[in-house]
């Protein structure tokens, strides 16, 4: 590894991000909030996952993750969450801070 690359890796920190993941309503039935939450919880970066009430019987999934700082890392994580289930709707960062 070149010394510039090594310096960049050493200087890179980590960020804690808390997300609200909303789930679109299917035409029939109710979304499997727990099943989707379990899949998201399987990601290495995930520290906690909790299904919480939103409004009118709808729920959202609150996810807390620790991600390395760097270009594209946050977007990459969000894309992976979107890929868990076709009903995954918005992914909103509620809080973000450095470790």
PDB file of N, CA and C in Angstrom:
ATOM      1  N   UNK A   1       0.846  -1.171   0.000  1.00  0.00           N
ATOM      2  CA  UNK A   1       0.000   0.000   0.000  1.00  0.00           C
ATOM      3  C   UNK A   1       0.890   1.233   0.000  1.00  0.00           C
ATOM      4  N   UNK A   2       0.589   2.172  -0.877  1.00  0.00           N
ATOM      5  CA  UNK A   2       1.358   3.410  -0.950  1.00  0.00           C
ATOM      6  C   UNK A   2       1.149   4.221   0.321  1.00  0.00           C
ATOM      7  N   UNK A   3       2.144   5.036   0.663  1.00  0.00           N
ATOM      8  CA  UNK A   3       2.053   5.786   1.923  1.00  0.00           C
ATOM      9  C   UNK A   3       0.872   6.760   1.934  1.00  0.00           C
ATOM     10  N   UNK A   4       0.520   7.358   0.778  1.00  0.00           N
ATOM     11  CA  UNK A   4      -0.640   8.248   0.727  1.00  0.00           C
ATOM     12  C   UNK A   4      -1.919   7.473   1.058  1.00  0.00           C
ATOM     13  N   UNK A   5      -2.052   6.269   0.504  1.00  0.00           N
ATOM     14  CA  UNK A   5      -3.229   5.447   0.788  1.00  0.00           C
ATOM     15  C   UNK A   5      -3.277   5.081   2.263  1.00  0.00           C
ATOM     16  N   UNK A   6      -2.146   4.733   2.830  1.00  0.00           N
ATOM     17  CA  UNK A   6      -2.095   4.360   4.240  1.00  0.00           C
ATOM     18  C   UNK A   6      -2.468   5.551   5.121  1.00  0.00           C
ATOM     19  N   UNK A   7      -1.969   6.744   4.788  1.00  0.00           N
ATOM     20  CA  UNK A   7      -2.311   7.943   5.557  1.00  0.00           C
ATOM     21  C   UNK A   7      -3.811   8.213   5.498  1.00  0.00           C
ATOM     22  N   UNK A   8      -4.412   8.034   4.314  1.00  0.00           N
ATOM     23  CA  UNK A   8      -5.841   8.266   4.164  1.00  0.00           C
ATOM     24  C   UNK A   8      -6.648   7.286   5.016  1.00  0.00           C
ATOM     25  N   UNK A   9      -6.246   6.031   5.047  1.00  0.00           N
ATOM     26  CA  UNK A   9      -6.945   5.021   5.845  1.00  0.00           C
ATOM     27  C   UNK A   9      -6.829   5.350   7.329  1.00  0.00           C
ATOM     28  N   UNK A  10      -5.656   5.783   7.769  1.00  0.00           N
ATOM     29  CA  UNK A  10      -5.452   6.111   9.180  1.00  0.00           C
ATOM     30  C   UNK A  10      -6.302   7.315   9.577  1.00  0.00           C
ATOM     31  N   UNK A  11      -6.407   8.332   8.699  1.00  0.00           N
ATOM     32  CA  UNK A  11      -7.160   9.536   9.021  1.00  0.00           C
ATOM     33  C   UNK A  11      -8.671   9.345   8.935  1.00  0.00           C
ATOM     34  N   UNK A  12      -9.115   8.345   8.201  1.00  0.00           N
ATOM     35  CA  UNK A  12     -10.549   8.130   8.065  1.00  0.00           C
ATOM     36  C   UNK A  12     -11.134   7.682   9.394  1.00  0.00           C
ATOM     37  N   UNK A  13     -12.238   8.292   9.757  1.00  0.00           N
ATOM     38  CA  UNK A  13     -12.909   7.925  10.988  1.00  0.00           C
ATOM     39  C   UNK A  13     -14.169   7.141  10.688  1.00  0.00           C
ATOM     40  N   UNK A  14     -15.038   7.126  11.660  1.00  0.00           N
ATOM     41  CA  UNK A  14     -16.317   6.455  11.519  1.00  0.00           C
ATOM     42  C   UNK A  14     -17.434   7.404  11.900  1.00  0.00           C
ATOM     43  N   UNK A  15     -18.593   7.200  11.305  1.00  0.00           N
ATOM     44  CA  UNK A  15     -19.768   7.985  11.649  1.00  0.00           C
ATOM     45  C   UNK A  15     -20.879   7.047  12.100  1.00  0.00           C
ATOM     46  N   UNK A  16     -21.679   7.543  13.035  1.00  0.00           N
ATOM     47  CA  UNK A  16     -22.871   6.833  13.470  1.00  0.00           C
ATOM     48  C   UNK A  16     -24.043   7.515  12.785  1.00  0.00           C
ATOM     49  N   UNK A  17     -24.878   6.729  12.122  1.00  0.00           N
ATOM     50  CA  UNK A  17     -26.029   7.272  11.421  1.00  0.00           C
ATOM     51  C   UNK A  17     -27.280   6.557  11.915  1.00  0.00           C
ATOM     52  N   UNK A  18     -28.305   7.342  12.256  1.00  0.00           N
ATOM     53  CA  UNK A  18     -29.597   6.766  12.615  1.00  0.00           C
ATOM     54  C   UNK A  18     -30.555   7.056  11.462  1.00  0.00           C
ATOM     55  N   UNK A  19     -31.161   5.997  10.935  1.00  0.00           N
ATOM     56  CA  UNK A  19     -32.063   6.104   9.789  1.00  0.00           C
ATOM     57  C   UNK A  19     -33.500   5.795  10.175  1.00  0.00           C
ATOM     58  N   UNK A  20     -34.428   6.408   9.425  1.00  0.00           N
ATOM     59  CA  UNK A  20     -35.831   5.988   9.441  1.00  0.00           C
ATOM     60  C   UNK A  20     -36.091   5.369   8.067  1.00  0.00           C
ATOM     61  N   UNK A  21     -36.441   4.097   8.067  1.00  0.00           N
ATOM     62  CA  UNK A  21     -36.731   3.365   6.834  1.00  0.00           C
ATOM     63  C   UNK A  21     -38.238   3.152   6.781  1.00  0.00           C
ATOM     64  N   UNK A  22     -38.891   3.754   5.790  1.00  0.00           N
ATOM     65  CA  UNK A  22     -40.326   3.555   5.646  1.00  0.00           C
ATOM     66  C   UNK A  22     -40.575   2.433   4.642  1.00  0.00           C
ATOM     67  N   UNK A  23     -41.694   1.770   4.844  1.00  0.00           N
ATOM     68  CA  UNK A  23     -42.061   0.638   4.004  1.00  0.00           C
ATOM     69  C   UNK A  23     -43.350   1.002   3.275  1.00  0.00           C
ATOM     70  N   UNK A  24     -43.355   0.846   1.959  1.00  0.00           N
ATOM     71  CA  UNK A  24     -44.557   1.106   1.166  1.00  0.00           C
ATOM     72  C   UNK A  24     -45.612   0.050   1.484  1.00  0.00           C
ATOM     73  N   UNK A  25     -46.865   0.452   1.385  1.00  0.00           N
ATOM     74  CA  UNK A  25     -47.973  -0.464   1.658  1.00  0.00           C
ATOM     75  C   UNK A  25     -48.275  -1.293   0.409  1.00  0.00           C
ATOM     76  N   UNK A  26     -48.362  -2.613   0.556  1.00  0.00           N
ATOM     77  CA  UNK A  26     -48.731  -3.443  -0.594  1.00  0.00           C
ATOM     78  C   UNK A  26     -50.218  -3.257  -0.914  1.00  0.00           C
ATOM     79  N   UNK A  27     -50.625  -3.695  -2.106  1.00  0.00           N
ATOM     80  CA  UNK A  27     -52.027  -3.557  -2.485  1.00  0.00           C
ATOM     81  C   UNK A  27     -52.931  -4.353  -1.540  1.00  0.00           C
ATOM     82  N   UNK A  28     -52.451  -5.482  -1.083  1.00  0.00           N
ATOM     83  CA  UNK A  28     -53.227  -6.312  -0.162  1.00  0.00           C
ATOM     84  C   UNK A  28     -52.364  -6.671   1.037  1.00  0.00           C
ATOM     85  N   UNK A  29     -53.008  -6.740   2.187  1.00  0.00           N
ATOM     86  CA  UNK A  29     -52.294  -7.175   3.381  1.00  0.00           C
ATOM     87  C   UNK A  29     -51.455  -6.079   4.002  1.00  0.00           C
ATOM     88  N   UNK A  30     -50.533  -6.527   4.821  1.00  0.00           N
ATOM     89  CA  UNK A  30     -49.668  -5.632   5.591  1.00  0.00           C
ATOM     90  C   UNK A  30     -48.215  -5.998   5.311  1.00  0.00           C
ATOM     91  N   UNK A  31     -47.318  -5.023   5.258  1.00  0.00           N
ATOM     92  CA  UNK A  31     -45.899  -5.346   5.034  1.00  0.00           C
ATOM     93  C   UNK A  31     -45.345  -6.181   6.186  1.00  0.00           C
ATOM     94  N   UNK A  32     -44.332  -6.965   5.881  1.00  0.00           N
ATOM     95  CA  UNK A  32     -43.650  -7.771   6.893  1.00  0.00           C
ATOM     96  C   UNK A  32     -42.532  -6.927   7.504  1.00  0.00           C
ATOM     97  N   UNK A  33     -42.925  -5.994   8.383  1.00  0.00           N
ATOM     98  CA  UNK A  33     -41.944  -5.098   8.999  1.00  0.00           C
ATOM     99  C   UNK A  33     -40.855  -5.878   9.730  1.00  0.00           C
ATOM    100  N   UNK A  34     -41.259  -6.856  10.502  1.00  0.00           N
ATOM    101  CA  UNK A  34     -40.288  -7.640  11.289  1.00  0.00           C
ATOM    102  C   UNK A  34     -39.320  -8.397  10.387  1.00  0.00           C
ATOM    103  N   UNK A  35     -39.840  -8.992   9.316  1.00  0.00           N
ATOM    104  CA  UNK A  35     -38.980  -9.732   8.389  1.00  0.00           C
ATOM    105  C   UNK A  35     -37.950  -8.838   7.721  1.00  0.00           C
ATOM    106  N   UNK A  36     -38.394  -7.647   7.316  1.00  0.00           N
ATOM    107  CA  UNK A  36     -37.475  -6.694   6.695  1.00  0.00           C
ATOM    108  C   UNK A  36     -36.444  -6.224   7.722  1.00  0.00           C
ATOM    109  N   UNK A  37     -36.896  -5.956   8.947  1.00  0.00           N
ATOM    110  CA  UNK A  37     -35.976  -5.513  10.007  1.00  0.00           C
ATOM    111  C   UNK A  37     -34.921  -6.580  10.289  1.00  0.00           C
ATOM    112  N   UNK A  38     -35.314  -7.840  10.302  1.00  0.00           N
ATOM    113  CA  UNK A  38     -34.359  -8.934  10.548  1.00  0.00           C
ATOM    114  C   UNK A  38     -33.303  -8.977   9.445  1.00  0.00           C
ATOM    115  N   UNK A  39     -33.723  -8.785   8.196  1.00  0.00           N
ATOM    116  CA  UNK A  39     -32.754  -8.790   7.097  1.00  0.00           C
ATOM    117  C   UNK A  39     -31.763  -7.640   7.224  1.00  0.00           C
ATOM    118  N   UNK A  40     -32.269  -6.453   7.557  1.00  0.00           N
ATOM    119  CA  UNK A  40     -31.387  -5.289   7.719  1.00  0.00           C
ATOM    120  C   UNK A  40     -30.431  -5.512   8.889  1.00  0.00           C
ATOM    121  N   UNK A  41     -30.938  -6.119   9.961  1.00  0.00           N
ATOM    122  CA  UNK A  41     -30.119  -6.380  11.146  1.00  0.00           C
ATOM    123  C   UNK A  41     -28.956  -7.322  10.838  1.00  0.00           C
ATOM    124  N   UNK A  42     -29.045  -8.056   9.759  1.00  0.00           N
ATOM    125  CA  UNK A  42     -27.972  -8.972   9.369  1.00  0.00           C
ATOM    126  C   UNK A  42     -26.755  -8.290   8.767  1.00  0.00           C
ATOM    127  N   UNK A  43     -26.849  -7.008   8.439  1.00  0.00           N
ATOM    128  CA  UNK A  43     -25.707  -6.285   7.890  1.00  0.00           C
ATOM    129  C   UNK A  43     -24.687  -6.038   8.994  1.00  0.00           C
ATOM    130  N   UNK A  44     -23.419  -6.202   8.675  1.00  0.00           N
ATOM    131  CA  UNK A  44     -22.344  -6.044   9.670  1.00  0.00           C
ATOM    132  C   UNK A  44     -22.323  -4.663  10.327  1.00  0.00           C
ATOM    133  N   UNK A  45     -22.652  -3.614   9.576  1.00  0.00           N
ATOM    134  CA  UNK A  45     -22.551  -2.243  10.075  1.00  0.00           C
ATOM    135  C   UNK A  45     -23.642  -1.892  11.081  1.00  0.00           C
ATOM    136  N   UNK A  46     -24.705  -2.679  11.111  1.00  0.00           N
ATOM    137  CA  UNK A  46     -25.895  -2.344  11.893  1.00  0.00           C
ATOM    138  C   UNK A  46     -25.655  -2.603  13.373  1.00  0.00           C
ATOM    139  N   UNK A  47     -25.950  -1.587  14.178  1.00  0.00           N
ATOM    140  CA  UNK A  47     -25.810  -1.690  15.629  1.00  0.00           C
ATOM    141  C   UNK A  47     -27.145  -2.004  16.302  1.00  0.00           C
ATOM    142  N   UNK A  48     -28.235  -1.434  15.766  1.00  0.00           N
ATOM    143  CA  UNK A  48     -29.557  -1.707  16.335  1.00  0.00           C
ATOM    144  C   UNK A  48     -30.629  -1.493  15.277  1.00  0.00           C
ATOM    145  N   UNK A  49     -31.730  -2.230  15.443  1.00  0.00           N
ATOM    146  CA  UNK A  49     -32.884  -2.128  14.554  1.00  0.00           C
ATOM    147  C   UNK A  49     -34.126  -2.221  15.430  1.00  0.00           C
ATOM    148  N   UNK A  50     -35.085  -1.327  15.174  1.00  0.00           N
ATOM    149  CA  UNK A  50     -36.316  -1.346  15.965  1.00  0.00           C
ATOM    150  C   UNK A  50     -37.483  -0.921  15.079  1.00  0.00           C
ATOM    151  N   UNK A  51     -38.575  -1.686  15.134  1.00  0.00           N
ATOM    152  CA  UNK A  51     -39.791  -1.329  14.420  1.00  0.00           C
ATOM    153  C   UNK A  51     -40.596  -0.408  15.338  1.00  0.00           C
ATOM    154  N   UNK A  52     -40.983   0.779  14.808  1.00  0.00           N
ATOM    155  CA  UNK A  52     -41.680   1.790  15.613  1.00  0.00           C
ATOM    156  C   UNK A  52     -42.924   2.276  14.880  1.00  0.00           C
ATOM    157  N   UNK A  53     -43.917   2.757  15.649  1.00  0.00           N
ATOM    158  CA  UNK A  53     -45.129   3.282  15.007  1.00  0.00           C
ATOM    159  C   UNK A  53     -44.864   4.611  14.315  1.00  0.00           C
ATOM    160  N   UNK A  54     -45.544   4.806  13.184  1.00  0.00           N
ATOM    161  CA  UNK A  54     -45.423   6.051  12.427  1.00  0.00           C
ATOM    162  C   UNK A  54     -46.735   6.841  12.531  1.00  0.00           C
ATOM    163  N   UNK A  55     -47.790   6.339  11.898  1.00  0.00           N
ATOM    164  CA  UNK A  55     -49.112   6.977  11.959  1.00  0.00           C
ATOM    165  C   UNK A  55     -50.129   6.078  11.270  1.00  0.00           C
ATOM    166  N   UNK A  56     -51.365   6.161  11.730  1.00  0.00           N
ATOM    167  CA  UNK A  56     -52.469   5.445  11.100  1.00  0.00           C
ATOM    168  C   UNK A  56     -52.189   3.950  10.924  1.00  0.00           C
ATOM    169  N   UNK A  57     -51.577   3.341  11.912  1.00  0.00           N
ATOM    170  CA  UNK A  57     -51.275   1.912  11.853  1.00  0.00           C
ATOM    171  C   UNK A  57     -50.033   1.562  11.058  1.00  0.00           C
ATOM    172  N   UNK A  58     -49.414   2.555  10.434  1.00  0.00           N
ATOM    173  CA  UNK A  58     -48.176   2.296   9.688  1.00  0.00           C
ATOM    174  C   UNK A  58     -46.998   2.306  10.657  1.00  0.00           C
ATOM    175  N   UNK A  59     -45.954   1.620  10.269  1.00  0.00           N
ATOM    176  CA  UNK A  59     -44.750   1.522  11.083  1.00  0.00           C
ATOM    177  C   UNK A  59     -43.557   1.977  10.246  1.00  0.00           C
ATOM    178  N   UNK A  60     -42.436   2.206  10.930  1.00  0.00           N
ATOM    179  CA  UNK A  60     -41.171   2.425  10.232  1.00  0.00           C
ATOM    180  C   UNK A  60     -40.100   1.639  10.975  1.00  0.00           C
ATOM    181  N   UNK A  61     -38.967   1.466  10.338  1.00  0.00           N
ATOM    182  CA  UNK A  61     -37.850   0.734  10.937  1.00  0.00           C
ATOM    183  C   UNK A  61     -36.744   1.742  11.219  1.00  0.00           C
ATOM    184  N   UNK A  62     -36.368   1.846  12.499  1.00  0.00           N
ATOM    185  CA  UNK A  62     -35.262   2.718  12.887  1.00  0.00           C
ATOM    186  C   UNK A  62     -33.995   1.871  12.923  1.00  0.00           C
ATOM    187  N   UNK A  63     -32.994   2.328  12.221  1.00  0.00           N
ATOM    188  CA  UNK A  63     -31.746   1.576  12.078  1.00  0.00           C
ATOM    189  C   UNK A  63     -30.591   2.468  12.490  1.00  0.00           C
ATOM    190  N   UNK A  64     -29.724   1.970  13.368  1.00  0.00           N
ATOM    191  CA  UNK A  64     -28.507   2.699  13.730  1.00  0.00           C
ATOM    192  C   UNK A  64     -27.315   1.910  13.215  1.00  0.00           C
ATOM    193  N   UNK A  65     -26.443   2.605  12.492  1.00  0.00           N
ATOM    194  CA  UNK A  65     -25.279   1.954  11.889  1.00  0.00           C
ATOM    195  C   UNK A  65     -24.019   2.738  12.178  1.00  0.00           C
ATOM    196  N   UNK A  66     -22.891   2.046  12.120  1.00  0.00           N
ATOM    197  CA  UNK A  66     -21.576   2.685  12.177  1.00  0.00           C
ATOM    198  C   UNK A  66     -20.926   2.434  10.823  1.00  0.00           C
ATOM    199  N   UNK A  67     -20.619   3.532  10.134  1.00  0.00           N
ATOM    200  CA  UNK A  67     -20.026   3.449   8.802  1.00  0.00           C
ATOM    201  C   UNK A  67     -18.687   4.164   8.787  1.00  0.00           C
ATOM    202  N   UNK A  68     -17.787   3.679   7.975  1.00  0.00           N
ATOM    203  CA  UNK A  68     -16.524   4.370   7.770  1.00  0.00           C
ATOM    204  C   UNK A  68     -16.776   5.626   6.950  1.00  0.00           C
ATOM    205  N   UNK A  69     -15.983   6.649   7.190  1.00  0.00           N
ATOM    206  CA  UNK A  69     -16.095   7.864   6.388  1.00  0.00           C
ATOM    207  C   UNK A  69     -15.441   7.609   5.038  1.00  0.00           C
ATOM    208  N   UNK A  70     -16.036   8.133   4.030  1.00  0.00           N
ATOM    209  CA  UNK A  70     -15.455   7.994   2.705  1.00  0.00           C
ATOM    210  C   UNK A  70     -16.527   8.180   1.651  1.00  0.00           C
ATOM    211  N   UNK A  71     -16.075   8.512   0.477  1.00  0.00           N
ATOM    212  CA  UNK A  71     -16.993   8.795  -0.611  1.00  0.00           C
ATOM    213  C   UNK A  71     -17.790   7.544  -0.986  1.00  0.00           C
ATOM    214  N   UNK A  72     -19.104   7.681  -1.019  1.00  0.00           N
ATOM    215  CA  UNK A  72     -19.976   6.603  -1.480  1.00  0.00           C
ATOM    216  C   UNK A  72     -20.357   5.560  -0.448  1.00  0.00           C
ATOM    217  N   UNK A  73     -19.803   5.622   0.753  1.00  0.00           N
ATOM    218  CA  UNK A  73     -20.078   4.590   1.756  1.00  0.00           C
ATOM    219  C   UNK A  73     -21.522   4.678   2.244  1.00  0.00           C
ATOM    220  N   UNK A  74     -21.991   5.878   2.553  1.00  0.00           N
ATOM    221  CA  UNK A  74     -23.368   6.052   3.022  1.00  0.00           C
ATOM    222  C   UNK A  74     -24.348   5.659   1.919  1.00  0.00           C
ATOM    223  N   UNK A  75     -24.106   6.129   0.695  1.00  0.00           N
ATOM    224  CA  UNK A  75     -24.988   5.785  -0.424  1.00  0.00           C
ATOM    225  C   UNK A  75     -24.998   4.283  -0.674  1.00  0.00           C
ATOM    226  N   UNK A  76     -23.852   3.654  -0.544  1.00  0.00           N
ATOM    227  CA  UNK A  76     -23.768   2.210  -0.739  1.00  0.00           C
ATOM    228  C   UNK A  76     -24.593   1.443   0.282  1.00  0.00           C
ATOM    229  N   UNK A  77     -24.536   1.888   1.542  1.00  0.00           N
ATOM    230  CA  UNK A  77     -25.335   1.243   2.577  1.00  0.00           C
ATOM    231  C   UNK A  77     -26.819   1.419   2.282  1.00  0.00           C
ATOM    232  N   UNK A  78     -27.224   2.633   1.940  1.00  0.00           N
ATOM    233  CA  UNK A  78     -28.633   2.898   1.651  1.00  0.00           C
ATOM    234  C   UNK A  78     -29.119   2.069   0.471  1.00  0.00           C
ATOM    235  N   UNK A  79     -28.294   1.894  -0.545  1.00  0.00           N
ATOM    236  CA  UNK A  79     -28.660   1.054  -1.691  1.00  0.00           C
ATOM    237  C   UNK A  79     -28.851  -0.404  -1.274  1.00  0.00           C
ATOM    238  N   UNK A  80     -28.012  -0.881  -0.368  1.00  0.00           N
ATOM    239  CA  UNK A  80     -28.158  -2.258   0.124  1.00  0.00           C
ATOM    240  C   UNK A  80     -29.465  -2.434   0.880  1.00  0.00           C
ATOM    241  N   UNK A  81     -29.841  -1.414   1.675  1.00  0.00           N
ATOM    242  CA  UNK A  81     -31.118  -1.478   2.401  1.00  0.00           C
ATOM    243  C   UNK A  81     -32.277  -1.503   1.406  1.00  0.00           C
ATOM    244  N   UNK A  82     -32.209  -0.678   0.368  1.00  0.00           N
ATOM    245  CA  UNK A  82     -33.267  -0.674  -0.655  1.00  0.00           C
ATOM    246  C   UNK A  82     -33.387  -2.040  -1.338  1.00  0.00           C
ATOM    247  N   UNK A  83     -32.304  -2.743  -1.441  1.00  0.00           N
ATOM    248  CA  UNK A  83     -32.302  -4.041  -2.106  1.00  0.00           C
ATOM    249  C   UNK A  83     -32.866  -5.171  -1.262  1.00  0.00           C
ATOM    250  N   UNK A  84     -33.133  -4.930   0.005  1.00  0.00           N
ATOM    251  CA  UNK A  84     -33.645  -5.970   0.902  1.00  0.00           C
ATOM    252  C   UNK A  84     -35.036  -6.433   0.485  1.00  0.00           C
ATOM    253  N   UNK A  85     -35.891  -5.485   0.085  1.00  0.00           N
ATOM    254  CA  UNK A  85     -37.284  -5.813  -0.230  1.00  0.00           C
ATOM    255  C   UNK A  85     -37.817  -4.735  -1.171  1.00  0.00           C
ATOM    256  N   UNK A  86     -38.639  -5.117  -2.155  1.00  0.00           N
ATOM    257  CA  UNK A  86     -39.174  -4.107  -3.078  1.00  0.00           C
ATOM    258  C   UNK A  86     -40.094  -3.087  -2.402  1.00  0.00           C
ATOM    259  N   UNK A  87     -40.596  -3.385  -1.202  1.00  0.00           N
ATOM    260  CA  UNK A  87     -41.463  -2.446  -0.492  1.00  0.00           C
ATOM    261  C   UNK A  87     -40.700  -1.393   0.307  1.00  0.00           C
ATOM    262  N   UNK A  88     -39.371  -1.504   0.391  1.00  0.00           N
ATOM    263  CA  UNK A  88     -38.596  -0.478   1.106  1.00  0.00           C
ATOM    264  C   UNK A  88     -38.796   0.838   0.372  1.00  0.00           C
ATOM    265  N   UNK A  89     -39.283   1.839   1.111  1.00  0.00           N
ATOM    266  CA  UNK A  89     -39.578   3.149   0.527  1.00  0.00           C
ATOM    267  C   UNK A  89     -38.449   4.125   0.783  1.00  0.00           C
ATOM    268  N   UNK A  90     -38.740   5.158   1.562  1.00  0.00           N
ATOM    269  CA  UNK A  90     -37.746   6.189   1.841  1.00  0.00           C
ATOM    270  C   UNK A  90     -36.770   5.733   2.916  1.00  0.00           C
ATOM    271  N   UNK A  91     -35.544   6.200   2.770  1.00  0.00           N
ATOM    272  CA  UNK A  91     -34.515   5.992   3.784  1.00  0.00           C
ATOM    273  C   UNK A  91     -34.020   7.381   4.155  1.00  0.00           C
ATOM    274  N   UNK A  92     -34.345   7.796   5.382  1.00  0.00           N
ATOM    275  CA  UNK A  92     -34.044   9.152   5.811  1.00  0.00           C
ATOM    276  C   UNK A  92     -33.056   9.123   6.967  1.00  0.00           C
ATOM    277  N   UNK A  93     -31.964   9.876   6.846  1.00  0.00           N
ATOM    278  CA  UNK A  93     -31.000   9.991   7.939  1.00  0.00           C
ATOM    279  C   UNK A  93     -31.570  10.958   8.973  1.00  0.00           C
ATOM    280  N   UNK A  94     -31.805  10.459  10.188  1.00  0.00           N
ATOM    281  CA  UNK A  94     -32.353  11.281  11.264  1.00  0.00           C
ATOM    282  C   UNK A  94     -31.262  11.988  12.031  1.00  0.00           C
ATOM    283  N   UNK A  95     -30.163  11.280  12.277  1.00  0.00           N
ATOM    284  CA  UNK A  95     -29.026  11.826  13.030  1.00  0.00           C
ATOM    285  C   UNK A  95     -27.747  11.286  12.427  1.00  0.00           C
ATOM    286  N   UNK A  96     -26.688  12.090  12.510  1.00  0.00           N
ATOM    287  CA  UNK A  96     -25.376  11.650  12.048  1.00  0.00           C
ATOM    288  C   UNK A  96     -24.312  12.314  12.915  1.00  0.00           C
ATOM    289  N   UNK A  97     -23.350  11.548  13.345  1.00  0.00           N
ATOM    290  CA  UNK A  97     -22.271  12.111  14.143  1.00  0.00           C
ATOM    291  C   UNK A  97     -21.015  11.281  14.027  1.00  0.00           C
ATOM    292  N   UNK A  98     -19.893  11.916  14.282  1.00  0.00           N
ATOM    293  CA  UNK A  98     -18.603  11.209  14.240  1.00  0.00           C
ATOM    294  C   UNK A  98     -18.351  10.460  15.526  1.00  0.00           C
ATOM    295  N   UNK A  99     -17.645   9.365  15.395  1.00  0.00           N
ATOM    296  CA  UNK A  99     -17.214   8.610  16.576  1.00  0.00           C
ATOM    297  C   UNK A  99     -15.871   9.137  17.038  1.00  0.00           C
TER     298      UNK A  99
END
